[in-house]
Amino acid sequence: MNTKLIWQAILTFALAFLGCGFHVAQAGTVTVITSFPKELTQIYKSAFEKANPDIKIEILNKNTVQGMAYVRELPPGQRPEVFWASAPDAFEVMSGLKLLEPIGELANKSAPAKVGSYPINAPNNMYLGQALAGYGLMLNTRYMSANKLAAPKQWVDLIKPEYFGHVAMSSPSRSGTTHLTVETLLQGEGWEKGWRQLLQISGNCAAITERSFGVPDGVNNGQFGIGLVIDFFGLAGKYSGFPVDFVYPDVTAVVPASIALVSGSKNSVEARKFISYTVSQQGQELLYNPKISRLPILPPEAMGGKAPAGYPNPFEIAKRAKVQFNSDLSEDRYNVVSALFDQTITFRLKELQAATKAIHAAEAALARKPNANAAELVKQARDVAFSPVVNVQKAADKEFLALFAANKKDAAVSKSVTGLENHWNNSARQNYERAKNLAEQALAAIK
């Protein structure tokens, strides 16, 4: 599947809803387009401007797809200077569209070539890794203690009944980092097993939040006990003094968040200075700021012992990580994964929760009083509720994937996609209702 074509379709769709005013760079101004939060960008802006008083940094905050569409729409000479984001595949697409300039000479020579098996910098010199990130579980330790909950160590732990109502996550369609988290689980466990886990974890969720920040905010303030997040959310909470911790499951991946120079920007000389600063020793040390709490591209021994006590070593995490993240696979099925999650989880969460709760109740009763008929009913309930409505063969079908990457302005494409999404939504509702009924029948048989 052609990743470039997929992202071009996504960008075309985004442009229909994105009003792109022309950007005119002032002399000495570096405009940075990024999906990163203000807490991070403000720290880098202030530190760089203090060190370079003749250069001003202007931040344009957009999610990754909107940012790519914005850059692509503007003519050379009016584009922002720097593109800075987490999604590793986005930079390959930007490079393929000739929207980036080579910056390999700016790389920090102390950075290793790879983290695990994943290159930190682009082999073609078009972008640089600026920080590293993994995916896992953010815990509110005070909440966990008050509710007498053991700290989970793996994704699969979250399917246990004791975690019902204590978990939260966002949707991959609303958050690029959540999409990477979901895709990491799917790649680590495989399509069928991965979706079974996702459906069970989601059934235990108290909420699928409307924004990615809703998960770490909810864990920080004790609304949720456990959140599925990218590591810097958990680490920022921990090192900012909240009663939280972060756990890396074995099924995780460590990949770089990258930074690149946009081609056709006005102030490329100044932009190169900013990019070089972000990957320099001084710029890497800023990642230890509690409000940022990201993992440097430099190994701990190269950071001069400045890491906070107990700070994660991404190179050690990558060694034991069971996922070698495949960004091409992620992008091939990007739209399918997002749509499938929303239609079967986000939009049907109440029904999924009800089915999950009924299954937990029946299994608890079975543990107290074994019953062969009831056990078979519960098994059927689990199979109905937690099997993905799209099987692994369909998920690998190139024509199927291409349909979801095609231009939604095409009436035939829109009709086909909408029809499939409605089918998934209705199937999920029917499956959850049936699973709930089967579990309730099992419970009645035990009594």
Protein backbone atom coordinates (compact mmCIF):
# COMPACT_ATOMS: atom_id res chain seq x y z
CA MET A 1 0.00 0.00 0.00
CA ASN A 2 1.37 3.43 -0.93
CA THR A 3 1.73 5.46 2.28
CA LYS A 4 2.11 8.68 0.30
CA LEU A 5 -1.25 8.16 -1.41
CA ILE A 6 -2.95 7.45 1.91
CA TRP A 7 -1.68 10.63 3.49
CA GLN A 8 -2.46 12.64 0.37
CA ALA A 9 -6.06 11.48 0.70
CA ILE A 10 -6.07 12.41 4.39
CA LEU A 11 -4.60 15.82 3.59
CA THR A 12 -7.14 16.45 0.83
CA PHE A 13 -9.92 15.69 3.29
CA ALA A 14 -8.35 17.91 5.95
CA LEU A 15 -7.92 20.81 3.55
CA ALA A 16 -11.65 20.85 2.90
CA PHE A 17 -12.15 21.86 6.53
CA LEU A 18 -8.98 23.82 7.15
CA GLY A 19 -8.89 27.49 6.30
CA CYS A 20 -5.31 28.20 5.35
CA GLY A 21 -4.42 31.86 5.57
CA PHE A 22 -1.07 32.74 4.07
CA HIS A 23 1.87 32.79 6.43
CA VAL A 24 4.37 35.59 5.92
CA ALA A 25 7.58 35.11 7.89
CA GLN A 26 9.30 38.18 9.29
CA ALA A 27 13.06 38.50 9.09
CA GLY A 28 14.65 36.73 12.04
CA THR A 29 11.44 34.82 12.88
CA VAL A 30 11.22 31.03 12.89
CA THR A 31 7.69 29.71 12.66
CA VAL A 32 7.30 26.23 14.15
CA ILE A 33 4.24 24.18 13.32
CA THR A 34 3.72 21.49 15.93
CA SER A 35 1.20 19.28 17.70
CA PHE A 36 3.09 19.52 20.98
CA PRO A 37 1.54 21.22 24.03
CA LYS A 38 2.32 24.77 25.05
CA GLU A 39 4.15 23.55 28.17
CA LEU A 40 6.82 22.03 25.94
CA THR A 41 7.02 24.62 23.18
CA GLN A 42 7.13 27.61 25.55
CA ILE A 43 10.14 26.20 27.39
CA TYR A 44 12.06 25.68 24.14
CA LYS A 45 10.99 29.06 22.78
CA SER A 46 12.14 30.92 25.92
CA ALA A 47 15.45 29.08 26.20
CA PHE A 48 16.34 29.47 22.53
CA GLU A 49 15.38 33.16 22.35
CA LYS A 50 17.47 33.84 25.45
CA ALA A 51 20.46 32.20 23.77
CA ASN A 52 19.70 33.82 20.40
CA PRO A 53 18.14 37.25 21.09
CA ASP A 54 18.15 38.19 17.40
CA ILE A 55 15.80 35.28 16.49
CA LYS A 56 12.13 35.02 17.46
CA ILE A 57 10.19 31.75 17.64
CA GLU A 58 6.53 31.73 16.61
CA ILE A 59 4.50 28.62 17.48
CA LEU A 60 1.55 27.43 15.36
CA ASN A 61 -0.21 24.63 17.19
CA LYS A 62 -2.07 22.17 14.97
CA ASN A 63 -2.55 18.42 15.06
CA THR A 64 -0.28 16.48 12.73
CA VAL A 65 -2.73 16.04 9.83
CA GLN A 66 -3.79 19.70 9.97
CA GLY A 67 -0.15 20.78 10.16
CA MET A 68 0.80 18.76 7.11
CA ALA A 69 -2.17 20.13 5.17
CA TYR A 70 -1.26 23.67 6.18
CA VAL A 71 2.34 23.32 4.94
CA ARG A 72 1.27 21.67 1.71
CA GLU A 73 -1.28 24.37 0.88
CA LEU A 74 1.13 27.30 1.19
CA PRO A 75 3.39 28.30 -1.71
CA PRO A 76 7.19 28.36 -1.34
CA GLY A 77 8.32 31.50 0.43
CA GLN A 78 5.25 31.60 2.67
CA ARG A 79 5.62 28.32 4.53
CA PRO A 80 6.52 27.89 8.20
CA GLU A 81 10.14 26.98 8.80
CA VAL A 82 9.96 23.97 11.13
CA PHE A 83 7.72 20.90 11.40
CA TRP A 84 7.86 19.16 14.80
CA ALA A 85 5.67 16.16 15.74
CA SER A 86 5.50 12.64 17.18
CA ALA A 87 4.12 10.62 14.24
CA PRO A 88 7.16 8.95 12.62
CA ASP A 89 5.36 8.22 9.35
CA ALA A 90 4.26 11.83 8.83
CA PHE A 91 7.83 12.90 8.13
CA GLU A 92 8.29 10.24 5.47
CA VAL A 93 5.19 11.54 3.72
CA MET A 94 6.37 15.15 4.00
CA SER A 95 9.69 14.09 2.52
CA GLY A 96 7.99 12.22 -0.30
CA LEU A 97 5.95 15.32 -1.14
CA LYS A 98 9.18 17.37 -1.40
CA LEU A 99 8.16 19.53 1.54
CA LEU A 100 11.37 19.03 3.55
CA GLU A 101 15.00 20.01 3.12
CA PRO A 102 17.97 17.83 4.15
CA ILE A 103 19.32 18.63 7.62
CA GLY A 104 21.45 15.58 8.37
CA GLU A 105 24.49 17.77 9.04
CA LEU A 106 22.68 19.21 12.09
CA ALA A 107 22.45 15.82 13.83
CA ASN A 108 24.01 15.43 17.26
CA LYS A 109 26.98 13.11 16.69
CA SER A 110 26.61 11.71 20.21
CA ALA A 111 23.21 10.21 19.43
CA PRO A 112 23.15 6.48 18.60
CA ALA A 113 22.03 5.47 15.13
CA LYS A 114 19.06 3.52 16.47
CA VAL A 115 16.85 2.99 19.50
CA GLY A 116 16.27 -0.75 19.42
CA SER A 117 15.97 -1.41 15.70
CA TYR A 118 14.32 1.93 14.86
CA PRO A 119 16.50 4.67 13.26
CA ILE A 120 16.63 7.85 15.33
CA ASN A 121 17.42 10.06 12.34
CA ALA A 122 16.13 9.68 8.78
CA PRO A 123 18.53 7.65 6.62
CA ASN A 124 18.00 10.23 3.86
CA ASN A 125 18.92 13.14 6.20
CA MET A 126 15.49 14.78 5.78
CA TYR A 127 14.57 14.90 9.49
CA LEU A 128 16.07 14.27 12.91
CA GLY A 129 14.83 12.46 15.99
CA GLN A 130 14.48 15.08 18.74
CA ALA A 131 13.10 12.97 21.60
CA LEU A 132 12.08 9.37 22.21
CA ALA A 133 8.72 8.04 23.37
CA GLY A 134 7.14 4.77 24.48
CA TYR A 135 3.58 3.74 25.30
CA GLY A 136 2.03 2.28 28.41
CA LEU A 137 0.02 2.72 31.59
CA MET A 138 -0.25 5.84 33.74
CA LEU A 139 -1.39 5.12 37.31
CA ASN A 140 -2.69 7.32 40.12
CA THR A 141 -1.03 5.62 43.08
CA ARG A 142 -3.34 7.25 45.64
CA TYR A 143 -6.42 6.12 43.69
CA MET A 144 -5.03 2.59 43.32
CA SER A 145 -4.36 2.34 47.06
CA ALA A 146 -7.79 3.73 48.03
CA ASN A 147 -9.50 1.22 45.75
CA LYS A 148 -7.20 -1.65 46.80
CA LEU A 149 -6.09 -2.23 43.22
CA ALA A 150 -2.80 -3.88 42.28
CA ALA A 151 -0.69 -1.96 39.78
CA PRO A 152 -1.08 -3.55 36.32
CA LYS A 153 2.13 -4.40 34.49
CA GLN A 154 0.86 -5.47 31.06
CA TRP A 155 -1.97 -4.42 28.73
CA VAL A 156 -3.65 -7.79 29.26
CA ASP A 157 -3.89 -7.14 33.02
CA LEU A 158 -6.52 -4.48 32.27
CA ILE A 159 -9.05 -7.06 31.09
CA LYS A 160 -9.42 -8.33 34.68
CA PRO A 161 -12.77 -7.64 36.35
CA GLU A 162 -11.21 -5.75 39.26
CA TYR A 163 -10.31 -2.91 36.89
CA PHE A 164 -13.87 -2.39 35.65
CA GLY A 165 -14.71 1.34 35.76
CA HIS A 166 -11.17 2.38 36.75
CA VAL A 167 -9.57 2.78 33.30
CA ALA A 168 -9.64 5.54 30.65
CA MET A 169 -8.28 6.10 27.19
CA SER A 170 -8.89 8.36 24.22
CA SER A 171 -9.79 7.43 20.65
CA PRO A 172 -7.16 6.99 17.91
CA SER A 173 -9.26 9.23 15.65
CA ARG A 174 -8.89 12.07 18.16
CA SER A 175 -5.28 11.62 19.14
CA GLY A 176 -2.17 10.73 17.14
CA THR A 177 -0.44 9.42 20.26
CA THR A 178 -3.45 7.23 21.10
CA HIS A 179 -3.37 5.88 17.55
CA LEU A 180 0.28 4.93 18.04
CA THR A 181 -0.62 3.30 21.37
CA VAL A 182 -3.42 1.26 19.77
CA GLU A 183 -1.28 0.32 16.79
CA THR A 184 1.57 -0.75 19.07
CA LEU A 185 -0.79 -3.15 20.86
CA LEU A 186 -2.16 -4.48 17.55
CA GLN A 187 1.31 -5.01 16.13
CA GLY A 188 2.56 -6.64 19.32
CA GLU A 189 -0.34 -9.04 19.80
CA GLY A 190 -1.53 -9.46 16.22
CA TRP A 191 -4.81 -8.20 14.73
CA GLU A 192 -7.28 -10.70 16.22
CA LYS A 193 -5.74 -11.04 19.68
CA GLY A 194 -4.97 -7.32 19.82
CA TRP A 195 -8.56 -6.33 19.11
CA ARG A 196 -9.87 -8.85 21.65
CA GLN A 197 -7.69 -7.18 24.26
CA LEU A 198 -8.70 -3.68 23.15
CA LEU A 199 -12.40 -4.54 23.33
CA GLN A 200 -12.03 -6.07 26.80
CA ILE A 201 -9.94 -3.16 28.08
CA SER A 202 -12.43 -0.69 26.61
CA GLY A 203 -15.30 -2.59 28.23
CA ASN A 204 -13.57 -1.94 31.55
CA CYS A 205 -13.12 1.77 30.75
CA ALA A 206 -14.97 4.46 32.65
CA ALA A 207 -14.61 6.76 29.63
CA ILE A 208 -13.24 7.21 26.12
CA THR A 209 -12.26 10.85 26.47
CA GLU A 210 -12.99 13.48 23.83
CA ARG A 211 -9.41 14.74 23.88
CA SER A 212 -6.12 12.99 24.52
CA PHE A 213 -5.28 15.35 27.39
CA GLY A 214 -8.45 14.23 29.16
CA VAL A 215 -6.79 10.93 30.09
CA PRO A 216 -3.64 12.22 31.87
CA ASP A 217 -5.61 15.09 33.40
CA GLY A 218 -8.13 12.59 34.75
CA VAL A 219 -5.41 10.34 36.18
CA ASN A 220 -3.54 13.30 37.69
CA ASN A 221 -6.65 14.55 39.52
CA GLY A 222 -7.86 11.10 40.59
CA GLN A 223 -10.88 10.86 38.30
CA PHE A 224 -9.40 7.68 36.80
CA GLY A 225 -7.03 5.15 38.30
CA ILE A 226 -5.33 4.04 35.09
CA GLY A 227 -4.84 5.68 31.71
CA LEU A 228 -3.46 4.32 28.43
CA VAL A 229 -1.08 7.05 27.28
CA ILE A 230 2.22 7.95 25.66
CA ASP A 231 4.93 8.01 28.32
CA PHE A 232 5.54 11.75 28.58
CA PHE A 233 2.02 12.30 29.93
CA GLY A 234 2.71 9.94 32.81
CA LEU A 235 6.26 11.12 33.40
CA ALA A 236 5.23 14.79 33.35
CA GLY A 237 2.62 14.08 36.01
CA LYS A 238 5.06 12.10 38.12
CA TYR A 239 7.89 14.63 38.00
CA SER A 240 5.50 17.55 38.48
CA GLY A 241 4.50 16.14 41.87
CA PHE A 242 1.22 14.37 41.16
CA PRO A 243 0.71 10.97 42.86
CA VAL A 244 1.21 9.08 39.61
CA ASP A 245 3.55 6.52 38.11
CA PHE A 246 4.09 5.09 34.63
CA VAL A 247 4.57 1.47 33.56
CA TYR A 248 5.99 0.25 30.24
CA PRO A 249 4.38 -3.09 29.25
CA ASP A 250 6.54 -5.64 27.45
CA VAL A 251 4.34 -5.07 24.39
CA THR A 252 5.52 -1.54 23.69
CA ALA A 253 7.68 0.31 21.20
CA VAL A 254 10.13 3.18 21.50
CA VAL A 255 10.14 5.54 18.52
CA PRO A 256 11.43 9.08 17.91
CA ALA A 257 9.47 12.28 17.84
CA SER A 258 11.11 14.20 15.02
CA ILE A 259 11.88 17.69 13.79
CA ALA A 260 12.40 18.88 10.21
CA LEU A 261 13.14 21.94 8.07
CA VAL A 262 10.30 22.82 5.69
CA SER A 263 11.35 23.50 2.12
CA GLY A 264 10.37 26.86 0.69
CA SER A 265 10.48 28.68 4.02
CA LYS A 266 11.95 32.15 4.25
CA ASN A 267 14.26 32.03 7.25
CA SER A 268 15.95 28.66 6.83
CA VAL A 269 19.27 29.84 8.29
CA GLU A 270 17.61 30.80 11.57
CA ALA A 271 15.49 27.64 11.46
CA ARG A 272 18.58 25.47 11.20
CA LYS A 273 19.90 27.12 14.35
CA PHE A 274 16.69 26.26 16.20
CA ILE A 275 16.68 22.64 14.99
CA SER A 276 20.33 22.26 15.95
CA TYR A 277 19.55 23.69 19.38
CA THR A 278 16.75 21.17 20.04
CA VAL A 279 19.05 18.19 19.45
CA SER A 280 22.11 19.73 21.16
CA GLN A 281 23.20 18.80 24.67
CA GLN A 282 21.56 21.95 26.03
CA GLY A 283 18.35 21.33 24.13
CA GLN A 284 18.22 17.69 25.21
CA GLU A 285 18.59 18.66 28.86
CA LEU A 286 15.37 20.69 28.57
CA LEU A 287 13.52 17.38 28.13
CA TYR A 288 14.13 16.73 31.83
CA ASN A 289 12.02 19.76 32.78
CA PRO A 290 9.10 18.32 34.83
CA LYS A 291 6.57 19.98 32.52
CA ILE A 292 8.08 18.19 29.50
CA SER A 293 9.45 14.89 30.87
CA ARG A 294 10.46 13.35 27.57
CA LEU A 295 13.21 10.87 26.85
CA PRO A 296 16.40 12.25 25.23
CA ILE A 297 17.87 10.83 22.04
CA LEU A 298 21.20 10.75 23.87
CA PRO A 299 22.00 7.80 26.16
CA PRO A 300 22.11 8.56 29.91
CA GLU A 301 25.91 8.45 30.00
CA ALA A 302 25.99 11.26 27.44
CA MET A 303 23.63 13.41 29.51
CA GLY A 304 26.16 13.99 32.27
CA GLY A 305 24.13 12.38 35.04
CA LYS A 306 21.46 15.08 34.89
CA ALA A 307 18.49 12.72 34.60
CA PRO A 308 16.14 12.74 37.61
CA ALA A 309 16.38 9.75 39.93
CA GLY A 310 14.64 6.73 38.47
CA TYR A 311 14.19 8.34 35.05
CA PRO A 312 13.50 5.74 32.32
CA ASN A 313 16.29 4.69 29.99
CA PRO A 314 14.65 4.40 26.55
CA PHE A 315 17.50 2.30 25.16
CA GLU A 316 17.01 -0.33 27.86
CA ILE A 317 13.22 -0.24 27.35
CA ALA A 318 13.72 -0.74 23.62
CA LYS A 319 15.91 -3.80 24.23
CA ARG A 320 13.10 -5.66 26.01
CA ALA A 321 10.22 -4.22 23.98
CA LYS A 322 8.40 -6.91 22.01
CA VAL A 323 7.27 -4.58 19.22
CA GLN A 324 9.44 -3.49 16.31
CA PHE A 325 7.10 -0.73 15.19
CA ASN A 326 6.22 -0.82 11.50
CA SER A 327 5.17 2.68 10.45
CA ASP A 328 4.23 1.55 6.93
CA LEU A 329 1.78 -1.02 8.31
CA SER A 330 0.39 1.60 10.69
CA GLU A 331 -0.31 4.01 7.86
CA ASP A 332 -1.69 1.37 5.50
CA ARG A 333 -4.54 0.74 7.94
CA TYR A 334 -4.60 4.10 9.71
CA ASN A 335 -8.15 5.05 8.71
CA VAL A 336 -9.52 1.55 9.17
CA VAL A 337 -8.19 1.26 12.73
CA SER A 338 -9.56 4.69 13.67
CA ALA A 339 -12.98 4.07 12.11
CA LEU A 340 -13.26 0.57 13.55
CA PHE A 341 -12.38 1.79 17.05
CA ASP A 342 -14.96 4.57 16.91
CA GLN A 343 -17.80 2.50 15.46
CA THR A 344 -17.36 -0.45 17.81
CA ILE A 345 -15.99 1.23 20.95
CA THR A 346 -16.31 5.03 21.12
CA PHE A 347 -19.91 5.19 19.82
CA ARG A 348 -21.01 1.94 21.52
CA LEU A 349 -19.21 2.29 24.85
CA LYS A 350 -22.34 2.01 27.04
CA GLU A 351 -23.40 -1.23 25.38
CA LEU A 352 -19.86 -2.61 25.57
CA GLN A 353 -19.62 -1.68 29.25
CA ALA A 354 -22.96 -3.37 29.98
CA ALA A 355 -21.92 -6.58 28.22
CA THR A 356 -18.54 -6.58 29.99
CA LYS A 357 -20.15 -6.04 33.39
CA ALA A 358 -22.63 -8.90 32.81
CA ILE A 359 -19.80 -11.23 31.76
CA HIS A 360 -17.78 -10.33 34.86
CA ALA A 361 -20.81 -11.03 37.07
CA ALA A 362 -21.47 -14.41 35.47
CA GLU A 363 -17.82 -15.42 35.75
CA ALA A 364 -17.73 -14.43 39.41
CA ALA A 365 -20.78 -16.60 40.05
CA LEU A 366 -19.19 -19.49 38.14
CA ALA A 367 -16.09 -19.26 40.31
CA ARG A 368 -18.28 -19.76 43.37
CA LYS A 369 -20.55 -22.43 41.86
CA PRO A 370 -19.35 -24.28 38.74
CA ASN A 371 -21.99 -25.03 36.12
CA ALA A 372 -21.14 -26.53 32.72
CA ASN A 373 -24.13 -25.03 30.89
CA ALA A 374 -23.46 -21.60 32.33
CA ALA A 375 -19.76 -21.84 31.46
CA GLU A 376 -20.63 -22.52 27.81
CA LEU A 377 -22.98 -19.53 27.76
CA VAL A 378 -20.26 -17.28 29.16
CA LYS A 379 -17.80 -18.55 26.57
CA GLN A 380 -20.31 -17.68 23.83
CA ALA A 381 -20.84 -14.25 25.38
CA ARG A 382 -17.10 -13.55 25.33
CA ASP A 383 -16.74 -14.66 21.73
CA VAL A 384 -19.66 -12.50 20.64
CA ALA A 385 -18.62 -9.39 22.56
CA PHE A 386 -14.87 -9.39 22.07
CA SER A 387 -14.27 -10.61 18.52
CA PRO A 388 -13.44 -7.83 16.02
CA VAL A 389 -16.07 -7.22 13.33
CA VAL A 390 -13.24 -6.98 10.75
CA ASN A 391 -11.08 -10.10 10.55
CA VAL A 392 -7.36 -10.27 9.88
CA GLN A 393 -7.80 -11.25 6.23
CA LYS A 394 -9.99 -8.24 5.54
CA ALA A 395 -7.62 -5.96 7.43
CA ALA A 396 -4.84 -6.98 5.05
CA ASP A 397 -6.93 -6.58 1.87
CA LYS A 398 -5.34 -3.82 -0.21
CA GLU A 399 -8.56 -2.83 -1.97
CA PHE A 400 -10.36 -2.58 1.37
CA LEU A 401 -7.60 -0.40 2.84
CA ALA A 402 -7.48 1.73 -0.31
CA LEU A 403 -11.21 2.46 0.00
CA PHE A 404 -10.67 4.06 3.41
CA ALA A 405 -7.72 6.05 2.05
CA ALA A 406 -9.63 7.34 -0.96
CA ASN A 407 -11.04 10.86 -1.34
CA LYS A 408 -14.27 11.08 0.68
CA LYS A 409 -15.50 13.84 -1.66
CA ASP A 410 -16.16 11.09 -4.19
CA ALA A 411 -19.84 10.20 -3.67
CA ALA A 412 -19.32 6.51 -4.37
CA VAL A 413 -16.40 6.31 -1.93
CA SER A 414 -18.32 8.18 0.74
CA LYS A 415 -21.34 5.93 0.32
CA SER A 416 -19.26 2.75 0.55
CA VAL A 417 -17.32 3.88 3.62
CA THR A 418 -20.44 5.13 5.39
CA GLY A 419 -22.20 1.86 4.63
CA LEU A 420 -19.37 -0.19 6.12
CA GLU A 421 -19.13 2.02 9.20
CA ASN A 422 -22.88 1.78 9.80
CA HIS A 423 -22.65 -2.00 9.44
CA TRP A 424 -19.85 -2.16 12.01
CA ASN A 425 -21.78 0.08 14.39
CA ASN A 426 -24.97 -1.97 14.12
CA SER A 427 -23.06 -5.26 14.39
CA ALA A 428 -21.32 -4.05 17.54
CA ARG A 429 -24.62 -3.00 19.13
CA GLN A 430 -26.22 -6.34 18.31
CA ASN A 431 -23.17 -8.28 19.51
CA TYR A 432 -23.03 -6.47 22.84
CA GLU A 433 -26.75 -6.89 23.45
CA ARG A 434 -26.52 -10.60 22.62
CA ALA A 435 -23.44 -11.05 24.81
CA LYS A 436 -25.20 -9.34 27.72
CA ASN A 437 -28.23 -11.62 27.31
CA LEU A 438 -26.05 -14.73 27.17
CA ALA A 439 -24.17 -13.68 30.32
CA GLU A 440 -27.44 -12.98 32.13
CA GLN A 441 -28.76 -16.41 31.09
CA ALA A 442 -25.60 -17.95 32.50
CA LEU A 443 -26.05 -16.11 35.77
CA ALA A 444 -29.67 -17.22 36.02
CA ALA A 445 -28.66 -20.85 35.37
CA ILE A 446 -26.16 -20.72 38.23
CA LYS A 447 -28.68 -19.36 40.67
